[in-house]
């Protein structure tokens, strides 16, 4: 009984696969690099179009594919600039440097 059932399932699945239309060829990322918006996925470390991962896992939007591919470098540069700015404020003795909203 199990062998007959397995044979029927294999036969039916084979027929279903035979009726499926062929999958379209995936578009090359290079063909649509100008159409945006583009996002950099932090989960997959890849550039994705709008229909990609969740917003919480992405940086963007960026207008071009190239901008999105440089997202981590841009984040690194901004963090370094902000860190340098904080050091300048601390060294200048700014009165707001020790400001705490909870005190």
PDB file of N, CA and C in Angstrom:
ATOM      1  N   UNK A   1       0.829  -1.200   0.000  1.00  0.00           N
ATOM      2  CA  UNK A   1       0.000   0.000   0.000  1.00  0.00           C
ATOM      3  C   UNK A   1       0.870   1.259   0.000  1.00  0.00           C
ATOM      4  N   UNK A   2       1.930   1.272   0.816  1.00  0.00           N
ATOM      5  CA  UNK A   2       2.810   2.442   0.880  1.00  0.00           C
ATOM      6  C   UNK A   2       3.529   2.637  -0.444  1.00  0.00           C
ATOM      7  N   UNK A   3       3.969   1.560  -1.076  1.00  0.00           N
ATOM      8  CA  UNK A   3       4.668   1.665  -2.355  1.00  0.00           C
ATOM      9  C   UNK A   3       3.754   2.228  -3.431  1.00  0.00           C
ATOM     10  N   UNK A   4       2.484   1.797  -3.429  1.00  0.00           N
ATOM     11  CA  UNK A   4       1.529   2.300  -4.419  1.00  0.00           C
ATOM     12  C   UNK A   4       1.284   3.784  -4.195  1.00  0.00           C
ATOM     13  N   UNK A   5       1.121   4.199  -2.935  1.00  0.00           N
ATOM     14  CA  UNK A   5       0.892   5.604  -2.616  1.00  0.00           C
ATOM     15  C   UNK A   5       2.095   6.448  -3.030  1.00  0.00           C
ATOM     16  N   UNK A   6       3.293   5.961  -2.746  1.00  0.00           N
ATOM     17  CA  UNK A   6       4.508   6.690  -3.118  1.00  0.00           C
ATOM     18  C   UNK A   6       4.612   6.810  -4.626  1.00  0.00           C
ATOM     19  N   UNK A   7       4.260   5.771  -5.348  1.00  0.00           N
ATOM     20  CA  UNK A   7       4.306   5.815  -6.814  1.00  0.00           C
ATOM     21  C   UNK A   7       3.317   6.834  -7.356  1.00  0.00           C
ATOM     22  N   UNK A   8       2.143   6.914  -6.770  1.00  0.00           N
ATOM     23  CA  UNK A   8       1.131   7.879  -7.215  1.00  0.00           C
ATOM     24  C   UNK A   8       1.618   9.301  -6.953  1.00  0.00           C
ATOM     25  N   UNK A   9       2.193   9.532  -5.790  1.00  0.00           N
ATOM     26  CA  UNK A   9       2.696  10.876  -5.442  1.00  0.00           C
ATOM     27  C   UNK A   9       3.796  11.270  -6.411  1.00  0.00           C
ATOM     28  N   UNK A  10       4.737  10.376  -6.675  1.00  0.00           N
ATOM     29  CA  UNK A  10       5.834  10.678  -7.597  1.00  0.00           C
ATOM     30  C   UNK A  10       5.275  10.992  -8.978  1.00  0.00           C
ATOM     31  N   UNK A  11       4.295  10.205  -9.415  1.00  0.00           N
ATOM     32  CA  UNK A  11       3.683  10.416 -10.732  1.00  0.00           C
ATOM     33  C   UNK A  11       2.996  11.788 -10.799  1.00  0.00           C
ATOM     34  N   UNK A  12       2.232  12.127  -9.774  1.00  0.00           N
ATOM     35  CA  UNK A  12       1.509  13.404  -9.756  1.00  0.00           C
ATOM     36  C   UNK A  12       2.454  14.586  -9.685  1.00  0.00           C
ATOM     37  N   UNK A  13       3.478  14.505  -8.855  1.00  0.00           N
ATOM     38  CA  UNK A  13       4.439  15.597  -8.734  1.00  0.00           C
ATOM     39  C   UNK A  13       5.172  15.788 -10.049  1.00  0.00           C
ATOM     40  N   UNK A  14       5.524  14.701 -10.684  1.00  0.00           N
ATOM     41  CA  UNK A  14       6.183  14.786 -11.980  1.00  0.00           C
ATOM     42  C   UNK A  14       5.313  15.470 -13.016  1.00  0.00           C
ATOM     43  N   UNK A  15       4.028  15.184 -13.016  1.00  0.00           N
ATOM     44  CA  UNK A  15       3.101  15.827 -13.952  1.00  0.00           C
ATOM     45  C   UNK A  15       2.950  17.310 -13.644  1.00  0.00           C
ATOM     46  N   UNK A  16       2.916  17.666 -12.331  1.00  0.00           N
ATOM     47  CA  UNK A  16       2.798  19.075 -11.960  1.00  0.00           C
ATOM     48  C   UNK A  16       4.022  19.859 -12.403  1.00  0.00           C
ATOM     49  N   UNK A  17       5.180  19.266 -12.205  1.00  0.00           N
ATOM     50  CA  UNK A  17       6.412  19.950 -12.612  1.00  0.00           C
ATOM     51  C   UNK A  17       6.470  20.110 -14.129  1.00  0.00           C
ATOM     52  N   UNK A  18       5.955  19.129 -14.838  1.00  0.00           N
ATOM     53  CA  UNK A  18       5.983  19.201 -16.298  1.00  0.00           C
ATOM     54  C   UNK A  18       5.091  20.327 -16.812  1.00  0.00           C
ATOM     55  N   UNK A  19       4.044  20.694 -16.086  1.00  0.00           N
ATOM     56  CA  UNK A  19       3.117  21.737 -16.517  1.00  0.00           C
ATOM     57  C   UNK A  19       3.542  23.140 -16.118  1.00  0.00           C
ATOM     58  N   UNK A  20       4.494  23.266 -15.225  1.00  0.00           N
ATOM     59  CA  UNK A  20       4.928  24.595 -14.791  1.00  0.00           C
ATOM     60  C   UNK A  20       5.618  25.327 -15.925  1.00  0.00           C
ATOM     61  N   UNK A  21       5.338  26.607 -16.049  1.00  0.00           N
ATOM     62  CA  UNK A  21       6.092  27.370 -17.059  1.00  0.00           C
ATOM     63  C   UNK A  21       7.531  27.540 -16.580  1.00  0.00           C
ATOM     64  N   UNK A  22       8.458  27.688 -17.482  1.00  0.00           N
ATOM     65  CA  UNK A  22       9.857  27.854 -17.065  1.00  0.00           C
ATOM     66  C   UNK A  22      10.037  29.144 -16.285  1.00  0.00           C
ATOM     67  N   UNK A  23      10.925  29.104 -15.318  1.00  0.00           N
ATOM     68  CA  UNK A  23      11.213  30.300 -14.529  1.00  0.00           C
ATOM     69  C   UNK A  23      11.924  31.324 -15.405  1.00  0.00           C
ATOM     70  N   UNK A  24      11.555  32.588 -15.243  1.00  0.00           N
ATOM     71  CA  UNK A  24      12.269  33.608 -16.025  1.00  0.00           C
ATOM     72  C   UNK A  24      13.702  33.721 -15.522  1.00  0.00           C
ATOM     73  N   UNK A  25      14.574  34.084 -16.423  1.00  0.00           N
ATOM     74  CA  UNK A  25      15.970  34.273 -16.060  1.00  0.00           C
ATOM     75  C   UNK A  25      16.080  35.455 -15.101  1.00  0.00           C
ATOM     76  N   UNK A  26      16.835  35.308 -14.021  1.00  0.00           N
ATOM     77  CA  UNK A  26      16.982  36.450 -13.106  1.00  0.00           C
ATOM     78  C   UNK A  26      17.700  37.590 -13.802  1.00  0.00           C
ATOM     79  N   UNK A  27      17.219  38.788 -13.521  1.00  0.00           N
ATOM     80  CA  UNK A  27      17.844  39.953 -14.126  1.00  0.00           C
ATOM     81  C   UNK A  27      19.202  40.192 -13.510  1.00  0.00           C
ATOM     82  N   UNK A  28      20.116  40.528 -14.324  1.00  0.00           N
ATOM     83  CA  UNK A  28      21.441  40.855 -13.834  1.00  0.00           C
ATOM     84  C   UNK A  28      21.357  42.140 -13.030  1.00  0.00           C
ATOM     85  N   UNK A  29      22.097  42.196 -11.946  1.00  0.00           N
ATOM     86  CA  UNK A  29      22.089  43.404 -11.128  1.00  0.00           C
ATOM     87  C   UNK A  29      22.666  44.573 -11.909  1.00  0.00           C
ATOM     88  N   UNK A  30      23.462  44.278 -12.909  1.00  0.00           N
ATOM     89  CA  UNK A  30      24.096  45.343 -13.671  1.00  0.00           C
ATOM     90  C   UNK A  30      23.137  45.968 -14.682  1.00  0.00           C
ATOM     91  N   UNK A  31      22.047  45.263 -15.055  1.00  0.00           N
ATOM     92  CA  UNK A  31      21.143  45.809 -16.045  1.00  0.00           C
ATOM     93  C   UNK A  31      20.264  46.901 -15.468  1.00  0.00           C
ATOM     94  N   UNK A  32      19.914  46.832 -14.197  1.00  0.00           N
ATOM     95  CA  UNK A  32      19.013  47.810 -13.586  1.00  0.00           C
ATOM     96  C   UNK A  32      19.701  48.599 -12.481  1.00  0.00           C
ATOM     97  N   UNK A  33      20.967  48.884 -12.635  1.00  0.00           N
ATOM     98  CA  UNK A  33      21.681  49.541 -11.553  1.00  0.00           C
ATOM     99  C   UNK A  33      21.267  50.998 -11.383  1.00  0.00           C
ATOM    100  N   UNK A  34      20.605  51.563 -12.369  1.00  0.00           N
ATOM    101  CA  UNK A  34      20.216  52.964 -12.230  1.00  0.00           C
ATOM    102  C   UNK A  34      18.817  53.121 -11.656  1.00  0.00           C
ATOM    103  N   UNK A  35      17.995  52.094 -11.735  1.00  0.00           N
ATOM    104  CA  UNK A  35      16.640  52.183 -11.211  1.00  0.00           C
ATOM    105  C   UNK A  35      16.649  51.925  -9.725  1.00  0.00           C
ATOM    106  N   UNK A  36      16.105  52.832  -8.956  1.00  0.00           N
ATOM    107  CA  UNK A  36      16.130  52.679  -7.516  1.00  0.00           C
ATOM    108  C   UNK A  36      14.744  52.601  -6.966  1.00  0.00           C
ATOM    109  N   UNK A  37      14.556  52.656  -5.732  1.00  0.00           N
ATOM    110  CA  UNK A  37      15.583  52.821  -4.708  1.00  0.00           C
ATOM    111  C   UNK A  37      16.303  51.505  -4.415  1.00  0.00           C
ATOM    112  N   UNK A  38      17.518  51.632  -3.905  1.00  0.00           N
ATOM    113  CA  UNK A  38      18.346  50.480  -3.543  1.00  0.00           C
ATOM    114  C   UNK A  38      18.624  50.518  -2.052  1.00  0.00           C
ATOM    115  N   UNK A  39      18.819  49.354  -1.468  1.00  0.00           N
ATOM    116  CA  UNK A  39      19.075  49.210  -0.039  1.00  0.00           C
ATOM    117  C   UNK A  39      20.244  48.263   0.167  1.00  0.00           C
ATOM    118  N   UNK A  40      20.979  48.475   1.264  1.00  0.00           N
ATOM    119  CA  UNK A  40      22.049  47.545   1.628  1.00  0.00           C
ATOM    120  C   UNK A  40      21.540  46.683   2.769  1.00  0.00           C
ATOM    121  N   UNK A  41      21.479  45.376   2.549  1.00  0.00           N
ATOM    122  CA  UNK A  41      20.968  44.442   3.550  1.00  0.00           C
ATOM    123  C   UNK A  41      22.098  44.062   4.506  1.00  0.00           C
ATOM    124  N   UNK A  42      21.911  44.354   5.791  1.00  0.00           N
ATOM    125  CA  UNK A  42      22.908  44.024   6.800  1.00  0.00           C
ATOM    126  C   UNK A  42      22.909  42.532   7.122  1.00  0.00           C
ATOM    127  N   UNK A  43      21.823  41.875   6.845  1.00  0.00           N
ATOM    128  CA  UNK A  43      21.717  40.442   7.123  1.00  0.00           C
ATOM    129  C   UNK A  43      22.454  39.610   6.070  1.00  0.00           C
ATOM    130  N   UNK A  44      22.321  39.999   4.803  1.00  0.00           N
ATOM    131  CA  UNK A  44      22.917  39.241   3.709  1.00  0.00           C
ATOM    132  C   UNK A  44      24.182  39.899   3.148  1.00  0.00           C
ATOM    133  N   UNK A  45      24.498  41.098   3.623  1.00  0.00           N
ATOM    134  CA  UNK A  45      25.653  41.860   3.133  1.00  0.00           C
ATOM    135  C   UNK A  45      25.605  41.988   1.613  1.00  0.00           C
ATOM    136  N   UNK A  46      24.440  42.447   1.134  1.00  0.00           N
ATOM    137  CA  UNK A  46      24.231  42.582  -0.298  1.00  0.00           C
ATOM    138  C   UNK A  46      23.299  43.753  -0.583  1.00  0.00           C
ATOM    139  N   UNK A  47      23.388  44.266  -1.798  1.00  0.00           N
ATOM    140  CA  UNK A  47      22.499  45.332  -2.254  1.00  0.00           C
ATOM    141  C   UNK A  47      21.213  44.689  -2.743  1.00  0.00           C
ATOM    142  N   UNK A  48      20.090  45.288  -2.337  1.00  0.00           N
ATOM    143  CA  UNK A  48      18.785  44.740  -2.693  1.00  0.00           C
ATOM    144  C   UNK A  48      17.874  45.846  -3.213  1.00  0.00           C
ATOM    145  N   UNK A  49      16.901  45.481  -4.051  1.00  0.00           N
ATOM    146  CA  UNK A  49      15.902  46.463  -4.466  1.00  0.00           C
ATOM    147  C   UNK A  49      14.881  46.665  -3.352  1.00  0.00           C
ATOM    148  N   UNK A  50      13.875  47.461  -3.620  1.00  0.00           N
ATOM    149  CA  UNK A  50      12.854  47.748  -2.611  1.00  0.00           C
ATOM    150  C   UNK A  50      12.225  46.470  -2.063  1.00  0.00           C
ATOM    151  N   UNK A  51      11.946  45.509  -2.921  1.00  0.00           N
ATOM    152  CA  UNK A  51      11.319  44.251  -2.503  1.00  0.00           C
ATOM    153  C   UNK A  51      12.371  43.295  -1.948  1.00  0.00           C
ATOM    154  N   UNK A  52      13.014  43.685  -0.872  1.00  0.00           N
ATOM    155  CA  UNK A  52      14.038  42.860  -0.266  1.00  0.00           C
ATOM    156  C   UNK A  52      13.675  42.516   1.156  1.00  0.00           C
ATOM    157  N   UNK A  53      14.642  42.506   2.021  1.00  0.00           N
ATOM    158  CA  UNK A  53      14.451  42.153   3.425  1.00  0.00           C
ATOM    159  C   UNK A  53      13.696  43.251   4.175  1.00  0.00           C
ATOM    160  N   UNK A  54      13.452  42.974   5.469  1.00  0.00           N
ATOM    161  CA  UNK A  54      12.740  43.931   6.321  1.00  0.00           C
ATOM    162  C   UNK A  54      13.552  45.214   6.479  1.00  0.00           C
ATOM    163  N   UNK A  55      12.854  46.291   6.737  1.00  0.00           N
ATOM    164  CA  UNK A  55      13.510  47.593   6.897  1.00  0.00           C
ATOM    165  C   UNK A  55      14.524  47.594   8.028  1.00  0.00           C
ATOM    166  N   UNK A  56      14.246  46.862   9.096  1.00  0.00           N
ATOM    167  CA  UNK A  56      15.157  46.870  10.244  1.00  0.00           C
ATOM    168  C   UNK A  56      16.488  46.203   9.939  1.00  0.00           C
ATOM    169  N   UNK A  57      16.568  45.460   8.837  1.00  0.00           N
ATOM    170  CA  UNK A  57      17.804  44.782   8.458  1.00  0.00           C
ATOM    171  C   UNK A  57      18.533  45.495   7.326  1.00  0.00           C
ATOM    172  N   UNK A  58      18.098  46.727   6.996  1.00  0.00           N
ATOM    173  CA  UNK A  58      18.669  47.385   5.816  1.00  0.00           C
ATOM    174  C   UNK A  58      19.086  48.815   6.089  1.00  0.00           C
ATOM    175  N   UNK A  59      19.988  49.302   5.251  1.00  0.00           N
ATOM    176  CA  UNK A  59      20.366  50.712   5.210  1.00  0.00           C
ATOM    177  C   UNK A  59      19.838  51.273   3.896  1.00  0.00           C
ATOM    178  N   UNK A  60      19.346  52.489   3.939  1.00  0.00           N
ATOM    179  CA  UNK A  60      18.891  53.083   2.705  1.00  0.00           C
ATOM    180  C   UNK A  60      17.592  53.822   2.904  1.00  0.00           C
ATOM    181  N   UNK A  61      17.010  54.324   1.896  1.00  0.00           N
ATOM    182  CA  UNK A  61      17.235  54.022   0.484  1.00  0.00           C
ATOM    183  C   UNK A  61      18.356  54.862  -0.131  1.00  0.00           C
ATOM    184  N   UNK A  62      18.942  54.318  -1.178  1.00  0.00           N
ATOM    185  CA  UNK A  62      19.962  54.998  -1.963  1.00  0.00           C
ATOM    186  C   UNK A  62      19.450  55.104  -3.388  1.00  0.00           C
ATOM    187  N   UNK A  63      19.838  56.166  -4.079  1.00  0.00           N
ATOM    188  CA  UNK A  63      19.340  56.392  -5.429  1.00  0.00           C
ATOM    189  C   UNK A  63      19.924  55.419  -6.442  1.00  0.00           C
ATOM    190  N   UNK A  64      21.172  55.024  -6.251  1.00  0.00           N
ATOM    191  CA  UNK A  64      21.811  54.132  -7.223  1.00  0.00           C
ATOM    192  C   UNK A  64      22.342  52.878  -6.537  1.00  0.00           C
ATOM    193  N   UNK A  65      22.576  51.879  -7.343  1.00  0.00           N
ATOM    194  CA  UNK A  65      23.149  50.622  -6.864  1.00  0.00           C
ATOM    195  C   UNK A  65      24.541  50.857  -6.263  1.00  0.00           C
ATOM    196  N   UNK A  66      25.325  51.724  -6.918  1.00  0.00           N
ATOM    197  CA  UNK A  66      26.686  52.005  -6.451  1.00  0.00           C
ATOM    198  C   UNK A  66      26.679  52.661  -5.072  1.00  0.00           C
ATOM    199  N   UNK A  67      25.760  53.602  -4.846  1.00  0.00           N
ATOM    200  CA  UNK A  67      25.667  54.238  -3.530  1.00  0.00           C
ATOM    201  C   UNK A  67      25.318  53.212  -2.459  1.00  0.00           C
ATOM    202  N   UNK A  68      24.403  52.323  -2.770  1.00  0.00           N
ATOM    203  CA  UNK A  68      24.008  51.297  -1.799  1.00  0.00           C
ATOM    204  C   UNK A  68      25.152  50.336  -1.520  1.00  0.00           C
ATOM    205  N   UNK A  69      25.952  50.030  -2.529  1.00  0.00           N
ATOM    206  CA  UNK A  69      27.067  49.106  -2.305  1.00  0.00           C
ATOM    207  C   UNK A  69      28.155  49.730  -1.431  1.00  0.00           C
ATOM    208  N   UNK A  70      28.209  51.065  -1.381  1.00  0.00           N
ATOM    209  CA  UNK A  70      29.177  51.766  -0.534  1.00  0.00           C
ATOM    210  C   UNK A  70      28.584  52.175   0.812  1.00  0.00           C
ATOM    211  N   UNK A  71      27.450  51.618   1.182  1.00  0.00           N
ATOM    212  CA  UNK A  71      26.739  52.035   2.393  1.00  0.00           C
ATOM    213  C   UNK A  71      27.572  51.848   3.652  1.00  0.00           C
ATOM    214  N   UNK A  72      28.231  50.709   3.805  1.00  0.00           N
ATOM    215  CA  UNK A  72      29.009  50.477   5.024  1.00  0.00           C
ATOM    216  C   UNK A  72      30.191  51.431   5.132  1.00  0.00           C
ATOM    217  N   UNK A  73      30.802  51.749   4.010  1.00  0.00           N
ATOM    218  CA  UNK A  73      31.911  52.699   4.027  1.00  0.00           C
ATOM    219  C   UNK A  73      31.414  54.085   4.441  1.00  0.00           C
ATOM    220  N   UNK A  74      30.247  54.464   3.945  1.00  0.00           N
ATOM    221  CA  UNK A  74      29.667  55.763   4.307  1.00  0.00           C
ATOM    222  C   UNK A  74      29.345  55.801   5.804  1.00  0.00           C
ATOM    223  N   UNK A  75      28.814  54.716   6.337  1.00  0.00           N
ATOM    224  CA  UNK A  75      28.521  54.629   7.775  1.00  0.00           C
ATOM    225  C   UNK A  75      29.810  54.747   8.580  1.00  0.00           C
ATOM    226  N   UNK A  76      30.856  54.069   8.132  1.00  0.00           N
ATOM    227  CA  UNK A  76      32.149  54.113   8.824  1.00  0.00           C
ATOM    228  C   UNK A  76      32.697  55.546   8.845  1.00  0.00           C
ATOM    229  N   UNK A  77      32.620  56.228   7.698  1.00  0.00           N
ATOM    230  CA  UNK A  77      33.109  57.609   7.618  1.00  0.00           C
ATOM    231  C   UNK A  77      32.323  58.530   8.546  1.00  0.00           C
ATOM    232  N   UNK A  78      30.996  58.388   8.569  1.00  0.00           N
ATOM    233  CA  UNK A  78      30.174  59.232   9.436  1.00  0.00           C
ATOM    234  C   UNK A  78      30.454  58.972  10.904  1.00  0.00           C
ATOM    235  N   UNK A  79      30.625  57.715  11.272  1.00  0.00           N
ATOM    236  CA  UNK A  79      30.934  57.393  12.665  1.00  0.00           C
ATOM    237  C   UNK A  79      32.266  57.998  13.089  1.00  0.00           C
ATOM    238  N   UNK A  80      33.258  57.927  12.221  1.00  0.00           N
ATOM    239  CA  UNK A  80      34.559  58.527  12.542  1.00  0.00           C
ATOM    240  C   UNK A  80      34.430  60.043  12.692  1.00  0.00           C
ATOM    241  N   UNK A  81      33.653  60.682  11.830  1.00  0.00           N
ATOM    242  CA  UNK A  81      33.456  62.137  11.915  1.00  0.00           C
ATOM    243  C   UNK A  81      32.740  62.502  13.213  1.00  0.00           C
ATOM    244  N   UNK A  82      31.720  61.737  13.574  1.00  0.00           N
ATOM    245  CA  UNK A  82      30.995  62.023  14.819  1.00  0.00           C
ATOM    246  C   UNK A  82      31.879  61.794  16.041  1.00  0.00           C
ATOM    247  N   UNK A  83      32.697  60.735  16.006  1.00  0.00           N
ATOM    248  CA  UNK A  83      33.610  60.482  17.122  1.00  0.00           C
ATOM    249  C   UNK A  83      34.615  61.624  17.258  1.00  0.00           C
ATOM    250  N   UNK A  84      35.139  62.108  16.140  1.00  0.00           N
ATOM    251  CA  UNK A  84      36.086  63.225  16.178  1.00  0.00           C
ATOM    252  C   UNK A  84      35.401  64.483  16.692  1.00  0.00           C
ATOM    253  N   UNK A  85      34.164  64.694  16.313  1.00  0.00           N
ATOM    254  CA  UNK A  85      33.420  65.865  16.781  1.00  0.00           C
ATOM    255  C   UNK A  85      33.185  65.780  18.283  1.00  0.00           C
ATOM    256  N   UNK A  86      32.874  64.605  18.790  1.00  0.00           N
ATOM    257  CA  UNK A  86      32.683  64.433  20.231  1.00  0.00           C
ATOM    258  C   UNK A  86      33.971  64.696  20.993  1.00  0.00           C
ATOM    259  N   UNK A  87      35.108  64.244  20.444  1.00  0.00           N
ATOM    260  CA  UNK A  87      36.390  64.490  21.089  1.00  0.00           C
ATOM    261  C   UNK A  87      36.687  65.981  21.131  1.00  0.00           C
ATOM    262  N   UNK A  88      36.373  66.701  20.038  1.00  0.00           N
ATOM    263  CA  UNK A  88      36.607  68.149  19.995  1.00  0.00           C
ATOM    264  C   UNK A  88      35.750  68.861  21.041  1.00  0.00           C
ATOM    265  N   UNK A  89      34.509  68.444  21.193  1.00  0.00           N
ATOM    266  CA  UNK A  89      33.611  69.059  22.173  1.00  0.00           C
ATOM    267  C   UNK A  89      34.116  68.782  23.583  1.00  0.00           C
ATOM    268  N   UNK A  90      34.535  67.551  23.855  1.00  0.00           N
ATOM    269  CA  UNK A  90      35.034  67.205  25.183  1.00  0.00           C
ATOM    270  C   UNK A  90      36.307  67.978  25.523  1.00  0.00           C
ATOM    271  N   UNK A  91      37.203  68.142  24.550  1.00  0.00           N
ATOM    272  CA  UNK A  91      38.454  68.865  24.793  1.00  0.00           C
ATOM    273  C   UNK A  91      38.208  70.361  24.981  1.00  0.00           C
ATOM    274  N   UNK A  92      37.200  70.898  24.331  1.00  0.00           N
ATOM    275  CA  UNK A  92      36.908  72.331  24.421  1.00  0.00           C
ATOM    276  C   UNK A  92      36.259  72.687  25.750  1.00  0.00           C
ATOM    277  N   UNK A  93      35.845  71.683  26.502  1.00  0.00           N
ATOM    278  CA  UNK A  93      35.217  71.949  27.787  1.00  0.00           C
ATOM    279  C   UNK A  93      33.829  72.531  27.637  1.00  0.00           C
ATOM    280  N   UNK A  94      33.116  72.091  26.657  1.00  0.00           N
ATOM    281  CA  UNK A  94      31.763  72.590  26.406  1.00  0.00           C
ATOM    282  C   UNK A  94      30.897  72.339  27.630  1.00  0.00           C
ATOM    283  N   UNK A  95      30.090  73.327  27.985  1.00  0.00           N
ATOM    284  CA  UNK A  95      29.279  73.210  29.184  1.00  0.00           C
ATOM    285  C   UNK A  95      28.232  72.107  29.060  1.00  0.00           C
ATOM    286  N   UNK A  96      27.841  71.758  27.824  1.00  0.00           N
ATOM    287  CA  UNK A  96      26.848  70.711  27.626  1.00  0.00           C
ATOM    288  C   UNK A  96      27.467  69.320  27.539  1.00  0.00           C
ATOM    289  N   UNK A  97      28.796  69.206  27.643  1.00  0.00           N
ATOM    290  CA  UNK A  97      29.447  67.912  27.503  1.00  0.00           C
ATOM    291  C   UNK A  97      29.027  66.957  28.614  1.00  0.00           C
ATOM    292  N   UNK A  98      28.756  67.490  29.810  1.00  0.00           N
ATOM    293  CA  UNK A  98      28.362  66.623  30.936  1.00  0.00           C
ATOM    294  C   UNK A  98      26.846  66.617  31.133  1.00  0.00           C
ATOM    295  N   UNK A  99      26.110  67.139  30.196  1.00  0.00           N
ATOM    296  CA  UNK A  99      24.664  67.215  30.303  1.00  0.00           C
ATOM    297  C   UNK A  99      24.057  65.822  30.319  1.00  0.00           C
ATOM    298  N   UNK A 100      23.117  65.611  31.221  1.00  0.00           N
ATOM    299  CA  UNK A 100      22.439  64.341  31.333  1.00  0.00           C
ATOM    300  C   UNK A 100      20.958  64.614  31.487  1.00  0.00           C
ATOM    301  N   UNK A 101      20.121  64.068  30.635  1.00  0.00           N
ATOM    302  CA  UNK A 101      18.701  64.368  30.718  1.00  0.00           C
ATOM    303  C   UNK A 101      18.036  63.733  31.942  1.00  0.00           C
ATOM    304  N   UNK A 102      18.723  62.830  32.619  1.00  0.00           N
ATOM    305  CA  UNK A 102      18.131  62.128  33.767  1.00  0.00           C
ATOM    306  C   UNK A 102      18.596  62.668  35.108  1.00  0.00           C
ATOM    307  N   UNK A 103      19.394  63.723  35.099  1.00  0.00           N
ATOM    308  CA  UNK A 103      19.871  64.258  36.390  1.00  0.00           C
ATOM    309  C   UNK A 103      19.132  65.496  36.792  1.00  0.00           C
TER     310      UNK A 103
END
